[in-house]
Amino acid sequence: MGYSVNLISTQADCDLLLSLSAKEKSDLEFQKLSQQRQRDSYAANAVGVAAELQTVTAELTALTGIIAALPEGEVKDDNITRQIKLELRKRLLEDKKDNYGTVAVLEKELLIDRIEHELTSLQGFVDAVLARKASL
């Protein structure tokens, strides 16, 4: 994008814009680092969550078949309680997968890409202001 740097009339104005840009750059770099760390954490957790979810789902499927074959009584009631706990665990893992799994990793990568584009754009602005300052 072409900036209207020809409107800048003093080197002091250039210095002010450069100072504001430096702060913005620092903020963006911090955001990028933060998002990268979250992405790395999510990526590490995604594999574990997926494996645990698969295990819980398999156990729940097996338990459902066992419960259907059990006669009424204490053993069946205990297994029904266990089934309810597994269903809750499965729902919690599915929520965790949504919030911290593969999809979340990709969302973080998109956000990092956006920040990188902002940094590139900001550098273009800084370069234009520096060129204008040199011409004043």
N, C-alpha and C. Protein backbone atom coordinates (compact mmCIF):
# COMPACT_ATOMS: atom_id res chain seq x y z
N MET A 1 0.85 -1.18 0.00
CA MET A 1 0.00 0.00 0.00
C MET A 1 0.89 1.23 0.00
N GLY A 2 0.49 2.23 -0.75
CA GLY A 2 1.22 3.48 -0.77
C GLY A 2 0.72 4.38 0.35
N TYR A 3 1.64 4.81 1.18
CA TYR A 3 1.27 5.68 2.29
C TYR A 3 1.48 7.14 1.89
N SER A 4 0.68 8.01 2.42
CA SER A 4 0.75 9.44 2.12
C SER A 4 1.80 10.12 2.98
N VAL A 5 3.01 9.60 2.93
CA VAL A 5 4.08 10.14 3.78
C VAL A 5 4.49 11.53 3.36
N ASN A 6 4.11 11.94 2.15
CA ASN A 6 4.44 13.30 1.71
C ASN A 6 3.70 14.35 2.54
N LEU A 7 2.71 13.92 3.30
CA LEU A 7 1.99 14.84 4.19
C LEU A 7 2.79 15.15 5.46
N ILE A 8 3.80 14.33 5.75
CA ILE A 8 4.64 14.56 6.93
C ILE A 8 5.57 15.73 6.61
N SER A 9 5.58 16.73 7.50
CA SER A 9 6.35 17.93 7.20
C SER A 9 7.61 18.11 8.07
N THR A 10 7.73 17.32 9.14
CA THR A 10 8.90 17.49 10.01
C THR A 10 9.49 16.14 10.37
N GLN A 11 10.77 16.18 10.72
CA GLN A 11 11.42 14.95 11.18
C GLN A 11 10.86 14.53 12.54
N ALA A 12 10.40 15.48 13.33
CA ALA A 12 9.79 15.16 14.63
C ALA A 12 8.53 14.31 14.45
N ASP A 13 7.75 14.65 13.42
CA ASP A 13 6.56 13.84 13.13
C ASP A 13 6.98 12.42 12.71
N CYS A 14 8.05 12.34 11.94
CA CYS A 14 8.56 11.02 11.54
C CYS A 14 8.98 10.22 12.76
N ASP A 15 9.70 10.88 13.67
CA ASP A 15 10.16 10.21 14.88
C ASP A 15 8.99 9.71 15.72
N LEU A 16 7.94 10.52 15.79
CA LEU A 16 6.74 10.11 16.54
C LEU A 16 6.11 8.88 15.91
N LEU A 17 5.95 8.90 14.59
CA LEU A 17 5.38 7.75 13.88
C LEU A 17 6.25 6.51 14.03
N LEU A 18 7.55 6.69 13.99
CA LEU A 18 8.47 5.55 14.15
C LEU A 18 8.40 4.99 15.57
N SER A 19 8.25 5.87 16.54
CA SER A 19 8.12 5.43 17.93
C SER A 19 6.83 4.64 18.13
N LEU A 20 5.74 5.15 17.59
CA LEU A 20 4.46 4.43 17.69
C LEU A 20 4.53 3.09 16.97
N SER A 21 5.21 3.08 15.83
CA SER A 21 5.35 1.84 15.06
C SER A 21 6.20 0.82 15.81
N ALA A 22 7.23 1.29 16.50
CA ALA A 22 8.09 0.39 17.28
C ALA A 22 7.29 -0.28 18.40
N LYS A 23 6.43 0.50 19.05
CA LYS A 23 5.57 -0.08 20.11
C LYS A 23 4.61 -1.11 19.52
N GLU A 24 4.01 -0.76 18.39
CA GLU A 24 3.08 -1.69 17.72
C GLU A 24 3.81 -2.97 17.31
N LYS A 25 5.02 -2.83 16.80
CA LYS A 25 5.81 -4.00 16.40
C LYS A 25 6.10 -4.89 17.61
N SER A 26 6.48 -4.26 18.70
CA SER A 26 6.76 -5.01 19.92
C SER A 26 5.53 -5.78 20.39
N ASP A 27 4.37 -5.12 20.36
CA ASP A 27 3.12 -5.78 20.76
C ASP A 27 2.79 -6.96 19.84
N LEU A 28 2.96 -6.76 18.54
CA LEU A 28 2.67 -7.84 17.58
C LEU A 28 3.63 -9.02 17.75
N GLU A 29 4.89 -8.72 18.00
CA GLU A 29 5.85 -9.80 18.20
C GLU A 29 5.53 -10.60 19.46
N PHE A 30 5.09 -9.89 20.51
CA PHE A 30 4.69 -10.59 21.73
C PHE A 30 3.46 -11.47 21.46
N GLN A 31 2.48 -10.93 20.74
CA GLN A 31 1.29 -11.73 20.40
C GLN A 31 1.68 -12.96 19.59
N LYS A 32 2.58 -12.78 18.66
CA LYS A 32 3.01 -13.90 17.82
C LYS A 32 3.68 -14.98 18.67
N LEU A 33 4.57 -14.57 19.55
CA LEU A 33 5.25 -15.53 20.42
C LEU A 33 4.24 -16.27 21.30
N SER A 34 3.30 -15.53 21.86
CA SER A 34 2.27 -16.13 22.71
C SER A 34 1.44 -17.15 21.93
N GLN A 35 1.03 -16.78 20.72
CA GLN A 35 0.23 -17.69 19.90
C GLN A 35 1.04 -18.92 19.48
N GLN A 36 2.31 -18.74 19.20
CA GLN A 36 3.16 -19.88 18.83
C GLN A 36 3.28 -20.85 20.00
N ARG A 37 3.43 -20.34 21.19
CA ARG A 37 3.53 -21.21 22.37
C ARG A 37 2.22 -21.96 22.60
N GLN A 38 1.10 -21.27 22.43
CA GLN A 38 -0.18 -21.94 22.58
C GLN A 38 -0.35 -23.02 21.52
N ARG A 39 0.03 -22.69 20.29
CA ARG A 39 -0.06 -23.68 19.20
C ARG A 39 0.77 -24.92 19.53
N ASP A 40 1.98 -24.71 20.01
CA ASP A 40 2.84 -25.84 20.36
C ASP A 40 2.23 -26.69 21.48
N SER A 41 1.66 -26.01 22.45
CA SER A 41 1.01 -26.71 23.56
C SER A 41 -0.20 -27.50 23.07
N TYR A 42 -1.02 -26.88 22.23
CA TYR A 42 -2.19 -27.55 21.69
C TYR A 42 -1.79 -28.76 20.85
N ALA A 43 -0.73 -28.58 20.05
CA ALA A 43 -0.27 -29.69 19.20
C ALA A 43 0.18 -30.87 20.05
N ALA A 44 0.87 -30.59 21.14
CA ALA A 44 1.33 -31.65 22.03
C ALA A 44 0.15 -32.36 22.70
N ASN A 45 -0.87 -31.59 23.07
CA ASN A 45 -2.04 -32.16 23.73
C ASN A 45 -2.98 -32.88 22.77
N ALA A 46 -3.01 -32.46 21.53
CA ALA A 46 -3.96 -33.01 20.56
C ALA A 46 -3.81 -34.51 20.40
N VAL A 47 -2.58 -34.98 20.34
CA VAL A 47 -2.33 -36.41 20.16
C VAL A 47 -2.82 -37.20 21.38
N GLY A 48 -2.50 -36.71 22.56
CA GLY A 48 -2.91 -37.39 23.79
C GLY A 48 -4.41 -37.42 23.96
N VAL A 49 -5.06 -36.31 23.66
CA VAL A 49 -6.53 -36.23 23.79
C VAL A 49 -7.18 -37.19 22.81
N ALA A 50 -6.70 -37.22 21.57
CA ALA A 50 -7.28 -38.11 20.56
C ALA A 50 -7.13 -39.57 20.97
N ALA A 51 -5.97 -39.93 21.50
CA ALA A 51 -5.74 -41.31 21.93
C ALA A 51 -6.63 -41.67 23.11
N GLU A 52 -6.73 -40.77 24.07
CA GLU A 52 -7.58 -41.04 25.24
C GLU A 52 -9.05 -41.12 24.84
N LEU A 53 -9.48 -40.28 23.94
CA LEU A 53 -10.86 -40.31 23.47
C LEU A 53 -11.16 -41.63 22.77
N GLN A 54 -10.23 -42.10 22.00
CA GLN A 54 -10.41 -43.39 21.32
C GLN A 54 -10.51 -44.53 22.33
N THR A 55 -9.69 -44.49 23.36
CA THR A 55 -9.73 -45.51 24.40
C THR A 55 -11.06 -45.49 25.16
N VAL A 56 -11.49 -44.30 25.55
CA VAL A 56 -12.75 -44.17 26.29
C VAL A 56 -13.93 -44.61 25.43
N THR A 57 -13.92 -44.27 24.16
CA THR A 57 -15.00 -44.67 23.25
C THR A 57 -15.05 -46.19 23.12
N ALA A 58 -13.89 -46.82 22.99
CA ALA A 58 -13.86 -48.28 22.88
C ALA A 58 -14.35 -48.95 24.17
N GLU A 59 -13.92 -48.40 25.30
CA GLU A 59 -14.35 -48.95 26.59
C GLU A 59 -15.85 -48.77 26.77
N LEU A 60 -16.37 -47.64 26.37
CA LEU A 60 -17.80 -47.37 26.48
C LEU A 60 -18.61 -48.31 25.59
N THR A 61 -18.13 -48.57 24.40
CA THR A 61 -18.81 -49.49 23.49
C THR A 61 -18.85 -50.90 24.09
N ALA A 62 -17.72 -51.34 24.62
CA ALA A 62 -17.66 -52.67 25.23
C ALA A 62 -18.57 -52.74 26.46
N LEU A 63 -18.55 -51.71 27.27
CA LEU A 63 -19.36 -51.70 28.49
C LEU A 63 -20.85 -51.70 28.18
N THR A 64 -21.25 -51.02 27.13
CA THR A 64 -22.67 -50.99 26.73
C THR A 64 -23.14 -52.40 26.39
N GLY A 65 -22.31 -53.16 25.69
CA GLY A 65 -22.65 -54.55 25.36
C GLY A 65 -22.73 -55.43 26.60
N ILE A 66 -21.82 -55.21 27.52
CA ILE A 66 -21.81 -56.00 28.76
C ILE A 66 -23.05 -55.71 29.59
N ILE A 67 -23.41 -54.44 29.71
CA ILE A 67 -24.57 -54.06 30.51
C ILE A 67 -25.85 -54.69 29.96
N ALA A 68 -25.96 -54.71 28.64
CA ALA A 68 -27.15 -55.29 28.02
C ALA A 68 -27.29 -56.77 28.36
N ALA A 69 -26.19 -57.46 28.58
CA ALA A 69 -26.23 -58.89 28.85
C ALA A 69 -26.36 -59.22 30.34
N LEU A 70 -26.16 -58.25 31.21
CA LEU A 70 -26.19 -58.50 32.65
C LEU A 70 -27.62 -58.57 33.18
N PRO A 71 -27.87 -59.44 34.15
CA PRO A 71 -29.17 -59.46 34.80
C PRO A 71 -29.27 -58.28 35.77
N GLU A 72 -30.47 -57.92 36.11
CA GLU A 72 -30.69 -56.83 37.06
C GLU A 72 -29.98 -57.17 38.36
N GLY A 73 -29.41 -56.14 38.99
CA GLY A 73 -28.74 -56.37 40.26
C GLY A 73 -27.63 -55.34 40.48
N GLU A 74 -26.86 -55.60 41.53
CA GLU A 74 -25.83 -54.67 41.95
C GLU A 74 -24.70 -54.53 40.91
N VAL A 75 -24.31 -55.64 40.29
CA VAL A 75 -23.25 -55.61 39.29
C VAL A 75 -23.67 -54.76 38.09
N LYS A 76 -24.92 -54.93 37.66
CA LYS A 76 -25.42 -54.14 36.54
C LYS A 76 -25.49 -52.66 36.92
N ASP A 77 -25.96 -52.35 38.12
CA ASP A 77 -26.04 -50.97 38.59
C ASP A 77 -24.64 -50.32 38.65
N ASP A 78 -23.66 -51.08 39.13
CA ASP A 78 -22.28 -50.57 39.19
C ASP A 78 -21.75 -50.27 37.79
N ASN A 79 -22.06 -51.13 36.85
CA ASN A 79 -21.60 -50.93 35.48
C ASN A 79 -22.33 -49.76 34.80
N ILE A 80 -23.60 -49.57 35.15
CA ILE A 80 -24.34 -48.42 34.62
C ILE A 80 -23.73 -47.12 35.15
N THR A 81 -23.35 -47.11 36.42
CA THR A 81 -22.68 -45.94 37.01
C THR A 81 -21.36 -45.70 36.30
N ARG A 82 -20.63 -46.76 36.04
CA ARG A 82 -19.36 -46.65 35.32
C ARG A 82 -19.58 -46.12 33.90
N GLN A 83 -20.67 -46.57 33.27
CA GLN A 83 -21.01 -46.12 31.93
C GLN A 83 -21.30 -44.62 31.92
N ILE A 84 -22.04 -44.16 32.90
CA ILE A 84 -22.36 -42.73 33.01
C ILE A 84 -21.09 -41.91 33.17
N LYS A 85 -20.16 -42.39 33.99
CA LYS A 85 -18.89 -41.70 34.19
C LYS A 85 -18.07 -41.66 32.89
N LEU A 86 -18.09 -42.77 32.16
CA LEU A 86 -17.37 -42.82 30.89
C LEU A 86 -17.98 -41.87 29.85
N GLU A 87 -19.31 -41.81 29.84
CA GLU A 87 -19.98 -40.89 28.92
C GLU A 87 -19.61 -39.44 29.23
N LEU A 88 -19.54 -39.11 30.51
CA LEU A 88 -19.13 -37.77 30.92
C LEU A 88 -17.68 -37.51 30.51
N ARG A 89 -16.83 -38.49 30.76
CA ARG A 89 -15.42 -38.36 30.38
C ARG A 89 -15.29 -38.16 28.87
N LYS A 90 -16.10 -38.89 28.11
CA LYS A 90 -16.07 -38.77 26.66
C LYS A 90 -16.48 -37.36 26.22
N ARG A 91 -17.54 -36.83 26.83
CA ARG A 91 -17.99 -35.48 26.48
C ARG A 91 -16.91 -34.44 26.83
N LEU A 92 -16.26 -34.62 27.98
CA LEU A 92 -15.20 -33.69 28.38
C LEU A 92 -14.01 -33.76 27.42
N LEU A 93 -13.67 -34.96 27.00
CA LEU A 93 -12.58 -35.12 26.04
C LEU A 93 -12.93 -34.53 24.68
N GLU A 94 -14.18 -34.68 24.26
CA GLU A 94 -14.61 -34.09 23.00
C GLU A 94 -14.54 -32.56 23.06
N ASP A 95 -14.94 -32.01 24.20
CA ASP A 95 -14.83 -30.56 24.38
C ASP A 95 -13.36 -30.13 24.36
N LYS A 96 -12.53 -30.90 25.04
CA LYS A 96 -11.10 -30.59 25.07
C LYS A 96 -10.50 -30.70 23.67
N LYS A 97 -10.94 -31.69 22.93
CA LYS A 97 -10.45 -31.86 21.56
C LYS A 97 -10.82 -30.65 20.72
N ASP A 98 -12.05 -30.14 20.89
CA ASP A 98 -12.50 -28.96 20.14
C ASP A 98 -11.70 -27.72 20.53
N ASN A 99 -11.44 -27.58 21.83
CA ASN A 99 -10.78 -26.37 22.33
C ASN A 99 -9.26 -26.40 22.23
N TYR A 100 -8.67 -27.59 22.30
CA TYR A 100 -7.21 -27.69 22.34
C TYR A 100 -6.65 -28.71 21.36
N GLY A 101 -7.46 -29.19 20.45
CA GLY A 101 -7.03 -30.25 19.54
C GLY A 101 -6.54 -29.71 18.21
N THR A 102 -6.66 -30.55 17.21
CA THR A 102 -6.15 -30.25 15.88
C THR A 102 -6.78 -28.99 15.29
N VAL A 103 -8.07 -28.83 15.46
CA VAL A 103 -8.75 -27.64 14.93
C VAL A 103 -8.20 -26.39 15.60
N ALA A 104 -8.00 -26.46 16.90
CA ALA A 104 -7.45 -25.30 17.62
C ALA A 104 -6.03 -24.99 17.16
N VAL A 105 -5.25 -26.02 16.85
CA VAL A 105 -3.89 -25.81 16.34
C VAL A 105 -3.95 -25.03 15.03
N LEU A 106 -4.85 -25.44 14.15
CA LEU A 106 -4.98 -24.75 12.86
C LEU A 106 -5.48 -23.32 13.03
N GLU A 107 -6.37 -23.11 13.98
CA GLU A 107 -6.84 -21.74 14.24
C GLU A 107 -5.69 -20.87 14.73
N LYS A 108 -4.83 -21.42 15.58
CA LYS A 108 -3.66 -20.68 16.06
C LYS A 108 -2.71 -20.37 14.91
N GLU A 109 -2.53 -21.32 14.01
CA GLU A 109 -1.65 -21.10 12.87
C GLU A 109 -2.20 -19.98 11.98
N LEU A 110 -3.50 -19.92 11.81
CA LEU A 110 -4.11 -18.85 11.03
C LEU A 110 -3.87 -17.50 11.71
N LEU A 111 -4.03 -17.46 13.01
CA LEU A 111 -3.81 -16.22 13.75
C LEU A 111 -2.35 -15.79 13.65
N ILE A 112 -1.43 -16.73 13.75
CA ILE A 112 0.00 -16.42 13.61
C ILE A 112 0.28 -15.85 12.23
N ASP A 113 -0.32 -16.44 11.21
CA ASP A 113 -0.15 -15.95 9.85
C ASP A 113 -0.66 -14.52 9.71
N ARG A 114 -1.79 -14.23 10.31
CA ARG A 114 -2.33 -12.86 10.27
C ARG A 114 -1.39 -11.88 10.94
N ILE A 115 -0.84 -12.27 12.08
CA ILE A 115 0.10 -11.40 12.79
C ILE A 115 1.34 -11.15 11.94
N GLU A 116 1.83 -12.20 11.28
CA GLU A 116 3.00 -12.04 10.41
C GLU A 116 2.71 -11.06 9.28
N HIS A 117 1.50 -11.12 8.72
CA HIS A 117 1.12 -10.17 7.67
C HIS A 117 1.07 -8.74 8.22
N GLU A 118 0.57 -8.59 9.44
CA GLU A 118 0.54 -7.26 10.05
C GLU A 118 1.96 -6.73 10.26
N LEU A 119 2.85 -7.62 10.69
CA LEU A 119 4.24 -7.21 10.89
C LEU A 119 4.89 -6.77 9.57
N THR A 120 4.59 -7.50 8.50
CA THR A 120 5.13 -7.16 7.19
C THR A 120 4.59 -5.80 6.74
N SER A 121 3.31 -5.59 6.92
CA SER A 121 2.68 -4.32 6.56
C SER A 121 3.26 -3.18 7.38
N LEU A 122 3.45 -3.42 8.65
CA LEU A 122 4.01 -2.40 9.53
C LEU A 122 5.43 -2.04 9.10
N GLN A 123 6.19 -3.04 8.69
CA GLN A 123 7.56 -2.77 8.24
C GLN A 123 7.54 -1.91 6.97
N GLY A 124 6.59 -2.15 6.09
CA GLY A 124 6.44 -1.30 4.90
C GLY A 124 6.16 0.14 5.27
N PHE A 125 5.33 0.32 6.27
CA PHE A 125 5.02 1.67 6.76
C PHE A 125 6.27 2.34 7.33
N VAL A 126 7.00 1.60 8.15
CA VAL A 126 8.23 2.13 8.76
C VAL A 126 9.23 2.53 7.67
N ASP A 127 9.38 1.67 6.68
CA ASP A 127 10.31 1.97 5.58
C ASP A 127 9.91 3.26 4.86
N ALA A 128 8.61 3.45 4.63
CA ALA A 128 8.13 4.66 3.97
C ALA A 128 8.39 5.89 4.82
N VAL A 129 8.17 5.78 6.12
CA VAL A 129 8.40 6.93 7.02
C VAL A 129 9.90 7.24 7.08
N LEU A 130 10.72 6.19 7.15
CA LEU A 130 12.18 6.43 7.17
C LEU A 130 12.65 7.11 5.88
N ALA A 131 12.10 6.71 4.76
CA ALA A 131 12.46 7.34 3.50
C ALA A 131 12.05 8.80 3.49
N ARG A 132 10.86 9.10 4.02
CA ARG A 132 10.38 10.48 4.07
C ARG A 132 11.28 11.30 5.02
N LYS A 133 11.65 10.71 6.15
CA LYS A 133 12.49 11.41 7.11
C LYS A 133 13.83 11.74 6.47
N ALA A 134 14.37 10.83 5.72
CA ALA A 134 15.66 11.06 5.05
C ALA A 134 15.55 12.17 4.01
N SER A 135 14.38 12.34 3.44
CA SER A 135 14.22 13.37 2.41
C SER A 135 13.93 14.76 2.99
N LEU A 136 13.64 14.81 4.29
CA LEU A 136 13.32 16.12 4.91
C LEU A 136 14.58 16.88 5.30
